[in-house]
Protein backbone atom coordinates (compact mmCIF):
# COMPACT_ATOMS: atom_id res chain seq x y z
CA MET A 1 1.90 -1.98 30.47
CA PRO A 2 1.09 1.74 30.11
CA THR A 3 -1.90 3.35 31.82
CA ASN A 4 -4.53 5.56 30.22
CA GLY A 5 -4.29 8.50 32.57
CA LEU A 6 -1.81 10.74 30.81
CA ILE A 7 -3.16 9.90 27.37
CA THR A 8 -6.71 10.64 28.43
CA ALA A 9 -5.68 13.98 29.93
CA CYS A 10 -3.98 14.95 26.70
CA LEU A 11 -6.93 13.84 24.56
CA ILE A 12 -9.50 15.86 26.47
CA ALA A 13 -7.47 19.01 25.85
CA VAL A 14 -7.65 18.62 22.07
CA ALA A 15 -10.00 21.01 20.31
CA ALA A 16 -13.19 19.72 18.68
CA PRO A 17 -12.99 21.30 15.17
CA LEU A 18 -10.79 18.49 13.85
CA PHE A 19 -13.59 15.98 14.27
CA VAL A 20 -16.00 18.30 12.47
CA CYS A 21 -13.51 18.54 9.59
CA TYR A 22 -13.02 14.81 9.50
CA GLY A 23 -16.77 14.14 9.54
CA ALA A 24 -17.44 16.65 6.75
CA LEU A 25 -14.72 15.16 4.57
CA LEU A 26 -15.90 11.58 4.94
CA ALA A 27 -19.62 11.89 4.76
CA ALA A 28 -20.81 8.33 4.31
CA PRO A 29 -19.76 4.95 5.69
CA VAL A 30 -18.49 2.26 3.33
CA GLY A 31 -21.19 -0.25 2.57
CA SER A 32 -20.92 -4.03 2.59
CA GLU A 33 -19.04 -5.55 -0.31
CA ASP A 34 -18.33 -9.15 -1.27
CA THR A 35 -14.71 -9.71 -0.30
CA ALA A 36 -12.11 -12.38 -0.78
CA VAL A 37 -11.42 -14.81 2.04
CA GLY A 38 -9.36 -17.95 2.47
CA PRO A 39 -5.91 -18.55 1.02
CA PRO A 40 -5.06 -16.46 -2.10
CA PRO A 41 -4.10 -18.25 -5.34
CA ALA A 42 -0.64 -19.70 -5.63
CA LEU A 43 1.97 -17.81 -7.66
CA ALA A 44 4.39 -19.03 -10.29
CA SER A 45 8.07 -18.74 -9.44
CA GLY A 46 9.30 -15.18 -9.86
CA GLN A 47 5.79 -13.84 -10.17
CA ALA A 48 4.50 -10.91 -8.08
CA PRO A 49 0.94 -11.09 -6.80
CA PRO A 50 -1.76 -9.49 -8.95
CA LEU A 51 -2.49 -5.89 -8.08
CA PRO A 52 -5.85 -5.48 -6.28
CA GLN A 53 -8.32 -3.03 -7.76
CA ALA A 54 -9.45 0.06 -5.88
CA GLY A 55 -13.13 -0.54 -5.09
CA PRO A 56 -15.56 0.76 -2.47
CA LEU A 57 -13.58 -0.80 0.37
CA ALA A 58 -10.61 1.37 -0.55
CA GLU A 59 -12.53 4.54 0.10
CA PRO A 60 -11.71 6.68 3.15
CA ARG A 61 -13.86 5.63 6.10
CA SER A 62 -16.49 7.79 7.76
CA PRO A 63 -16.20 8.63 11.47
CA ASN A 64 -19.91 7.87 11.71
CA GLN A 65 -19.17 4.38 13.01
CA VAL A 66 -20.42 2.98 16.29
CA GLY A 67 -17.35 2.65 18.48
CA PHE A 68 -15.34 5.27 16.60
CA PRO A 69 -12.92 6.85 19.15
CA LYS A 70 -13.65 10.52 18.50
CA VAL A 71 -11.32 12.00 21.12
CA LEU A 72 -8.42 9.68 20.38
CA THR A 73 -8.70 10.41 16.66
CA GLN A 74 -8.64 14.14 17.34
CA TYR A 75 -5.37 13.56 19.17
CA VAL A 76 -3.54 11.55 16.49
CA ILE A 77 -4.64 13.38 13.30
CA SER A 78 -3.44 16.83 12.35
CA PRO A 79 -6.08 18.93 10.58
CA VAL A 80 -3.67 19.84 7.84
CA THR A 81 -3.34 16.22 6.75
CA LEU A 82 -7.08 16.00 6.12
CA ARG A 83 -7.15 18.20 3.03
CA PRO A 84 -9.32 16.24 0.56
CA ALA A 85 -6.78 16.72 -2.21
CA ARG A 86 -4.06 15.07 -0.12
CA ILE A 87 -6.20 12.11 0.79
CA ALA A 88 -7.31 11.57 -2.80
CA LEU A 89 -3.68 11.77 -3.98
CA GLY A 90 -2.60 9.33 -1.32
CA GLN A 91 -5.29 6.86 -2.33
CA LYS A 92 -4.16 7.01 -5.95
CA LEU A 93 -0.53 6.54 -4.92
CA PHE A 94 -1.47 3.56 -2.71
CA PHE A 95 -2.49 1.68 -5.87
CA GLU A 96 0.31 3.01 -8.09
CA PRO A 97 2.59 0.19 -9.36
CA ARG A 98 4.99 2.64 -11.01
CA LEU A 99 6.40 3.30 -7.59
CA SER A 100 7.98 -0.16 -7.72
CA GLY A 101 11.17 -1.08 -9.56
CA ASP A 102 9.47 -2.94 -12.38
CA GLY A 103 5.98 -1.47 -12.30
CA THR A 104 4.26 -4.57 -10.88
CA VAL A 105 3.85 -3.87 -7.14
CA ALA A 106 2.02 -1.19 -5.18
CA CYS A 107 1.22 -0.64 -1.51
CA ALA A 108 -2.12 -2.36 -2.18
CA THR A 109 -0.35 -5.53 -3.33
CA CYS A 110 0.28 -6.45 0.30
CA HIS A 111 -2.59 -4.38 1.71
CA ASP A 112 -5.69 -5.38 -0.24
CA PRO A 113 -8.85 -3.52 0.85
CA ALA A 114 -10.90 -6.68 0.16
CA ARG A 115 -8.83 -8.48 2.83
CA ALA A 116 -9.06 -5.65 5.34
CA PHE A 117 -5.77 -4.29 3.92
CA THR A 118 -3.77 -7.50 4.28
CA ASP A 119 -2.85 -10.07 1.60
CA GLY A 120 -4.00 -13.44 2.91
CA ARG A 121 -0.53 -14.99 2.67
CA PRO A 122 1.63 -16.29 5.55
CA VAL A 123 4.37 -13.91 4.48
CA SER A 124 4.21 -11.27 1.79
CA VAL A 125 5.44 -11.65 -1.78
CA GLY A 126 6.93 -8.67 -3.59
CA ILE A 127 8.72 -7.68 -6.73
CA HIS A 128 9.91 -10.56 -8.92
CA GLY A 129 8.03 -12.96 -6.61
CA ARG A 130 10.49 -12.45 -3.80
CA VAL A 131 9.17 -13.95 -0.59
CA GLY A 132 9.69 -12.02 2.64
CA GLN A 133 9.81 -13.08 6.26
CA ARG A 134 6.84 -11.23 7.73
CA ASN A 135 3.08 -11.39 7.53
CA ALA A 136 1.45 -8.22 6.19
CA PRO A 137 -0.30 -6.40 9.05
CA THR A 138 -3.53 -4.49 8.36
CA ILE A 139 -3.38 -0.79 7.59
CA LEU A 140 -6.85 -0.36 9.20
CA ASN A 141 -6.50 1.68 12.44
CA ALA A 142 -2.74 1.95 11.93
CA LEU A 143 -3.04 5.67 12.64
CA TYR A 144 -3.47 4.74 16.35
CA ASN A 145 -0.25 2.69 16.52
CA LYS A 146 2.59 4.06 18.60
CA HIS A 147 5.01 2.03 16.45
CA GLN A 148 4.74 0.72 12.90
CA PHE A 149 5.84 -2.71 11.58
CA TRP A 150 5.97 -5.86 13.65
CA ASP A 151 9.23 -4.82 15.28
CA GLY A 152 8.32 -1.13 15.70
CA ARG A 153 11.28 0.10 13.71
CA VAL A 154 9.53 3.37 12.81
CA THR A 155 6.93 5.51 14.53
CA THR A 156 5.11 7.37 11.78
CA LEU A 157 2.99 6.43 8.81
CA GLU A 158 5.27 8.50 6.56
CA GLN A 159 8.28 6.38 7.58
CA GLN A 160 6.19 3.25 7.18
CA ALA A 161 5.30 4.27 3.63
CA ALA A 162 8.91 4.90 2.66
CA LEU A 163 10.61 1.64 3.57
CA PRO A 164 8.63 -0.84 1.41
CA ILE A 165 9.19 1.37 -1.66
CA THR A 166 12.94 0.83 -1.38
CA ASN A 167 13.10 -2.67 0.12
CA PRO A 168 14.39 -5.06 -2.60
CA PHE A 169 11.96 -7.79 -1.43
CA GLU A 170 8.94 -5.50 -1.54
CA MET A 171 8.66 -2.74 -4.17
CA GLY A 172 12.34 -2.67 -5.14
CA SER A 173 12.99 0.96 -6.09
CA THR A 174 16.52 2.13 -5.37
CA SER A 175 15.17 5.26 -3.65
CA VAL A 176 11.95 7.16 -3.12
CA GLY A 177 13.35 9.71 -5.52
CA GLU A 178 13.69 7.09 -8.24
CA ALA A 179 10.12 5.98 -7.59
CA ILE A 180 8.74 9.49 -7.88
CA SER A 181 10.73 10.08 -11.08
CA ARG A 182 8.57 7.47 -12.84
CA ILE A 183 5.44 9.57 -12.30
CA ALA A 184 7.04 13.01 -12.50
CA SER A 185 5.95 13.62 -16.12
CA ASP A 186 2.37 12.48 -15.46
CA LYS A 187 0.16 15.55 -15.93
CA ASP A 188 -2.53 14.24 -13.61
CA TYR A 189 -0.05 13.72 -10.80
CA GLN A 190 1.47 17.14 -11.42
CA THR A 191 -1.97 18.69 -10.96
CA ARG A 192 -2.83 16.56 -7.93
CA PHE A 193 0.42 17.38 -6.10
CA ALA A 194 -0.06 21.10 -6.79
CA GLN A 195 -3.64 20.98 -5.46
CA ALA A 196 -2.57 18.98 -2.37
CA PHE A 197 0.60 20.77 -1.37
CA ASP A 198 0.75 24.01 -3.42
CA ARG A 199 4.11 22.99 -4.94
CA ASP A 200 5.75 20.59 -7.31
CA MET A 201 5.87 16.93 -6.42
CA ASN A 202 8.67 15.76 -4.14
CA GLU A 203 9.59 12.75 -2.02
CA GLN A 204 8.29 13.99 1.32
CA ASP A 205 4.94 15.05 -0.10
CA LEU A 206 4.52 11.65 -1.72
CA LEU A 207 4.96 9.97 1.64
CA SER A 208 2.75 12.53 3.39
CA ALA A 209 -0.03 11.91 0.89
CA ILE A 210 0.05 8.15 1.40
CA ALA A 211 0.07 8.67 5.17
CA ALA A 212 -2.88 11.11 4.92
CA TYR A 213 -4.91 8.46 3.08
CA GLU A 214 -3.96 5.79 5.62
CA GLN A 215 -5.05 8.05 8.44
CA THR A 216 -8.63 7.84 7.08
CA LEU A 217 -8.67 4.03 7.17
CA THR A 218 -10.49 3.41 10.46
CA SER A 219 -12.54 0.31 11.17
CA PHE A 220 -15.09 -0.01 13.95
CA ASP A 221 -18.90 -0.47 13.75
CA SER A 222 -18.72 -4.19 14.55
CA PRO A 223 -21.43 -6.16 16.38
CA PHE A 224 -19.28 -5.92 19.47
CA ASP A 225 -19.19 -2.10 19.21
CA HIS A 226 -22.98 -2.12 19.09
CA PHE A 227 -23.03 -4.40 22.13
CA ILE A 228 -20.79 -2.02 24.09
CA ALA A 229 -23.05 0.82 23.02
CA GLY A 230 -25.99 -0.91 24.69
CA GLU A 231 -27.49 -3.23 22.07
CA VAL A 232 -27.25 -6.23 24.33
CA ASN A 233 -28.76 -8.78 21.92
CA VAL A 234 -26.63 -7.98 18.91
CA ILE A 235 -23.94 -10.57 19.72
CA SER A 236 -24.38 -14.19 20.68
CA GLU A 237 -24.28 -15.58 24.22
CA ALA A 238 -21.08 -17.38 23.22
CA ALA A 239 -19.46 -14.07 22.24
CA LYS A 240 -20.54 -12.52 25.56
CA ARG A 241 -18.96 -15.43 27.44
CA GLY A 242 -15.86 -15.03 25.22
CA TRP A 243 -15.57 -11.36 26.22
CA GLU A 244 -15.60 -12.33 29.87
CA LEU A 245 -12.99 -15.04 29.28
CA PHE A 246 -10.89 -12.56 27.31
CA ASN A 247 -10.67 -10.43 30.43
CA SER A 248 -10.14 -13.24 32.89
CA LYS A 249 -9.15 -16.90 32.47
CA ALA A 250 -7.92 -16.58 28.88
CA ARG A 251 -5.60 -13.67 29.96
CA CYS A 252 -5.90 -11.97 26.56
CA PHE A 253 -6.27 -8.56 28.22
CA LEU A 254 -2.71 -8.70 29.51
CA CYS A 255 -1.53 -7.72 26.03
CA HIS A 256 -4.69 -6.63 24.22
CA ALA A 257 -5.57 -3.70 26.51
CA LEU A 258 -3.86 -0.45 27.39
CA ALA A 259 -3.99 -1.24 31.11
CA ASP A 260 -4.25 -4.45 33.12
CA ASN A 261 -6.94 -3.04 35.40
CA GLN A 262 -9.29 -1.53 32.81
CA ARG A 263 -11.14 -3.25 29.98
CA ASP A 264 -10.28 -1.95 26.51
CA ALA A 265 -13.13 -2.18 24.06
CA THR A 266 -11.57 0.01 21.36
CA LEU A 267 -8.12 -0.86 19.98
CA PHE A 268 -7.15 -4.07 21.79
CA ILE A 269 -3.39 -3.20 21.84
CA ASP A 270 -0.91 -2.29 24.56
CA ASN A 271 1.70 -0.46 22.40
CA ASP A 272 4.23 -3.03 23.49
CA PHE A 273 6.20 -6.05 22.24
CA HIS A 274 6.05 -9.64 23.45
CA ASN A 275 7.79 -12.96 22.86
CA ILE A 276 4.94 -15.48 22.72
CA GLY A 277 7.02 -18.45 21.59
CA VAL A 278 6.19 -18.37 17.90
CA GLY A 279 8.80 -20.00 15.68
CA ILE A 280 11.51 -19.87 18.33
CA LEU A 281 12.51 -23.53 17.92
CA ARG A 282 13.00 -23.25 14.16
CA HIS A 283 15.96 -20.89 14.48
CA ARG A 284 19.32 -20.66 16.22
CA VAL A 285 18.26 -17.53 18.03
CA GLY A 286 21.38 -17.03 20.18
CA PRO A 287 23.87 -17.06 17.27
CA LEU A 288 21.44 -14.94 15.21
CA ALA A 289 21.40 -12.31 17.98
CA GLN A 290 25.20 -12.22 17.97
CA GLN A 291 25.13 -11.84 14.19
CA ALA A 292 22.66 -8.98 14.43
CA GLU A 293 24.76 -7.18 17.02
CA ARG A 294 27.71 -7.29 14.59
CA GLU A 295 25.90 -6.52 11.32
CA LEU A 296 23.45 -3.91 12.68
CA ALA A 297 25.79 -2.19 15.13
CA GLN A 298 25.30 1.18 13.45
CA GLY A 299 21.54 0.99 13.77
CA GLN A 300 20.92 2.15 10.22
CA LEU A 301 17.21 1.89 9.42
CA PRO A 302 17.65 0.47 5.83
CA ASP A 303 19.83 -2.32 7.26
CA ILE A 304 17.27 -3.13 9.94
CA ASP A 305 14.52 -3.08 7.33
CA SER A 306 16.44 -5.44 5.08
CA ALA A 307 17.15 -7.84 7.96
CA ALA A 308 13.52 -7.83 8.99
CA ILE A 309 12.14 -8.64 5.59
CA ALA A 310 14.83 -10.59 3.76
CA SER A 311 16.88 -12.67 6.19
CA GLU A 312 16.65 -15.18 9.03
CA LEU A 313 17.46 -12.35 11.39
CA SER A 314 13.81 -11.46 11.08
CA VAL A 315 12.99 -13.92 13.89
CA LEU A 316 14.73 -11.57 16.36
CA GLY A 317 11.89 -9.06 16.15
CA ARG A 318 12.23 -6.01 18.34
CA PHE A 319 15.83 -6.92 19.18
CA LEU A 320 16.80 -5.78 15.69
CA VAL A 321 15.90 -2.28 16.78
CA THR A 322 16.91 -2.13 20.43
CA LYS A 323 19.70 -4.75 20.75
CA THR A 324 18.25 -5.45 24.19
CA GLN A 325 18.32 -9.15 25.09
CA SER A 326 14.84 -9.11 26.67
CA ASP A 327 13.47 -8.02 23.28
CA ILE A 328 14.70 -11.13 21.46
CA ALA A 329 11.88 -12.59 19.35
CA SER A 330 9.43 -10.01 20.69
CA PHE A 331 6.85 -8.61 18.27
CA LYS A 332 4.26 -5.86 18.45
CA THR A 333 0.85 -6.64 19.87
CA PRO A 334 -1.54 -6.41 16.92
CA GLY A 335 -5.13 -5.18 17.11
CA LEU A 336 -7.89 -7.78 16.92
CA ARG A 337 -10.47 -6.22 14.64
CA ASN A 338 -11.52 -8.04 11.42
CA LEU A 339 -9.38 -11.08 12.29
CA LEU A 340 -11.62 -13.33 10.18
CA VAL A 341 -10.50 -11.37 7.12
CA THR A 342 -6.82 -10.85 8.00
CA GLY A 343 -5.50 -14.39 8.47
CA PRO A 344 -3.20 -16.23 8.61
CA TYR A 345 -2.03 -15.07 12.02
CA PHE A 346 1.06 -13.97 13.96
CA HIS A 347 4.13 -12.17 12.59
CA ASP A 348 5.12 -15.17 10.46
CA GLY A 349 1.65 -16.20 9.37
CA SER A 350 2.14 -19.59 10.98
CA MET A 351 -1.40 -20.09 12.29
CA GLU A 352 -4.18 -20.73 9.79
CA THR A 353 -7.22 -20.47 12.04
CA LEU A 354 -8.29 -18.67 15.19
CA TRP A 355 -8.61 -22.09 16.83
CA ASP A 356 -4.91 -22.67 16.08
CA VAL A 357 -4.16 -19.28 17.74
CA MET A 358 -6.17 -20.24 20.81
CA ASP A 359 -4.51 -23.69 21.07
CA HIS A 360 -1.10 -21.97 20.91
CA TYR A 361 -1.96 -19.75 23.86
CA ASN A 362 -3.84 -22.45 25.72
CA LYS A 363 -0.77 -24.67 26.05
CA GLY A 364 1.44 -21.69 26.95
CA ASP A 365 3.65 -22.43 23.96
CA GLY A 366 7.37 -21.72 24.07
CA ILE A 367 8.52 -24.05 26.85
CA ALA A 368 12.08 -24.06 25.49
CA ASP A 369 12.19 -20.31 24.89
CA PRO A 370 14.48 -18.50 27.35
CA TRP A 371 12.97 -15.14 26.39
CA LEU A 372 9.30 -16.17 26.60
CA ASP A 373 7.01 -13.40 27.93
CA LYS A 374 6.29 -13.74 31.61
CA ASP A 375 2.53 -13.71 30.96
CA MET A 376 2.64 -16.84 28.79
CA GLN A 377 1.45 -19.87 30.71
CA PRO A 378 -0.98 -22.78 30.27
CA LEU A 379 -4.58 -21.57 30.40
CA ALA A 380 -6.59 -24.76 30.93
CA LEU A 381 -9.34 -23.53 28.62
CA THR A 382 -11.93 -26.17 27.69
CA GLU A 383 -13.09 -26.68 24.12
CA PRO A 384 -16.35 -24.78 24.74
CA GLU A 385 -14.36 -21.90 26.26
CA ILE A 386 -12.05 -21.77 23.21
CA ASP A 387 -15.14 -21.67 20.96
CA ASP A 388 -16.52 -18.81 23.08
CA VAL A 389 -13.34 -16.71 22.76
CA VAL A 390 -13.33 -17.30 18.99
CA ALA A 391 -16.98 -16.22 18.88
CA PHE A 392 -16.01 -13.00 20.65
CA LEU A 393 -13.14 -12.37 18.22
CA ALA A 394 -15.53 -12.94 15.33
CA SER A 395 -17.87 -10.28 16.76
CA LEU A 396 -15.08 -7.70 16.11
CA THR A 397 -15.68 -7.92 12.37
CA SER A 398 -16.76 -4.57 10.95
CA THR A 399 -19.96 -4.19 8.94
CA GLN A 400 -18.41 -4.06 5.51
CA TYR A 401 -16.58 -7.36 6.09
CA LYS A 402 -19.55 -9.24 7.54
CA GLU A 403 -20.25 -11.51 4.57
CA ALA A 404 -16.56 -12.36 4.12
CA GLY A 405 -16.21 -12.89 7.86
CA ASP A 406 -19.18 -15.19 8.05
CA ARG A 407 -17.81 -17.36 5.23
CA GLU A 408 -14.35 -17.46 6.80
CA TYR A 409 -15.72 -18.31 10.21
CA ALA A 410 -17.56 -21.30 8.68
CA ARG A 411 -14.39 -22.40 6.84
CA GLN A 412 -12.23 -22.14 9.92
CA LEU A 413 -14.80 -23.88 12.13
CA ALA A 414 -15.02 -26.80 9.72
CA LEU A 415 -11.26 -27.02 9.58
CA SER A 416 -11.00 -26.94 13.36
CA LYS A 417 -13.16 -30.07 13.56
CA VAL A 418 -10.62 -32.14 11.59
CA ASN A 419 -7.24 -30.44 11.99
CA ARG A 420 -5.86 -28.88 15.19
CA PRO A 421 -2.08 -29.07 14.86
CA GLN A 422 -1.45 -26.75 17.84
CA ARG A 423 -3.75 -28.51 20.35
CA ASP A 424 -2.05 -30.14 23.34
CA THR A 425 -4.62 -30.70 26.10
CA GLY A 426 -2.05 -32.24 28.43
CA ARG A 427 0.11 -29.15 28.40
CA ALA A 428 -2.91 -26.83 28.55
CA LEU A 429 -4.08 -28.49 31.78
CA GLY A 430 -0.62 -28.87 33.30
CA PRO A 431 1.57 -26.51 35.31
CA LYS A 432 3.76 -23.84 33.73
CA PRO A 433 7.06 -25.52 32.76
CA ARG A 434 10.29 -24.22 34.16
CA GLN A 435 11.75 -21.72 31.76
CA PRO A 436 15.42 -22.13 30.78
CA PRO A 437 17.71 -19.13 31.55
CA PRO A 438 18.84 -16.98 28.63
CA PRO A 439 22.20 -18.02 27.29
CA PRO A 440 25.08 -15.50 27.26
CA LEU A 441 25.38 -13.60 24.00
């Protein structure tokens, strides 16, 4: 996993005025708001999800948050993207259903601010009720990602904004140009584009505006951030024990930190991809990898995007991008903030509760997976230790999602008392099984 040294050296060299600009633009933090939790309502066949409304939680976030990484943010945000007119335009476009093929789906359909910019579904549902293959990741703190999407098929927020607009299972426009043509005669948009970019609207500026808005969606200021800042009594004793387990016996830090030898209390990612044994037994992975090598040999991004969202090839994860066998069924390490509001969990939404997630890791799942990550192994965590790690994860819930997080914690806790489909104490306490060798492709 990468070390922090080079990054830190680069960050320190960045000039301070950017932070001043950012702070002036976003003067006030977003307050608490009653948010939706739990499974969203079922949809009729062929029906797209209802479009979320833009409320207070959709507003750009202030940098005046405890735990906000000032230096890192200076490094990843260009001052030119922070023009207020661009951010306001991007926010409006984020909720604009006319960018979809039939005017029913917007970016916010899968990235609802009330659910910490996710949708609450195992996998996302798009235009005409078409069901994809991937769980919607949060947009919060996406500006810090080295790669976007679960398989890392693009590296910028502009690229990330473009692909869903044209994917037939998401927003379903034939091109970004077609999408922008539906708003081209709108006088308000004409004015907003001119104010934001000093020229007429065009495809690249549309994507840049959405990306500028997404760059303001930071989320920190959790109880854990206050704890790290010195408020030692702001989190429970269970959460404190969970933090210690996170960095030791539970082995979470091996993926959810930038370096193995230094605790990461900020982003909880490693900018890498891992096969953790999710869903591997439900698919014929070897033949699928051979199929992907044939069908995606040219490496065309639209083809990879279509395979990731609309076909069984989705299970191959990072392999769709790299065609490297060690990347088979590997997916990007997600951040851990606001987990109580962003379930269900993993790239396929296959885990309903955080207790299910912990049971999966505790038994070292993936015993028949030839490509299983080397760091996956039985953890021998006891039930109280699992509860402690979940308590720590709950402490990463930002202030504005506290009420929703508290309700969801209670729901998941109650469910964990009666239904633990992933729990296998025998395997959790046993040795690491022998891993089968990868088959030839």
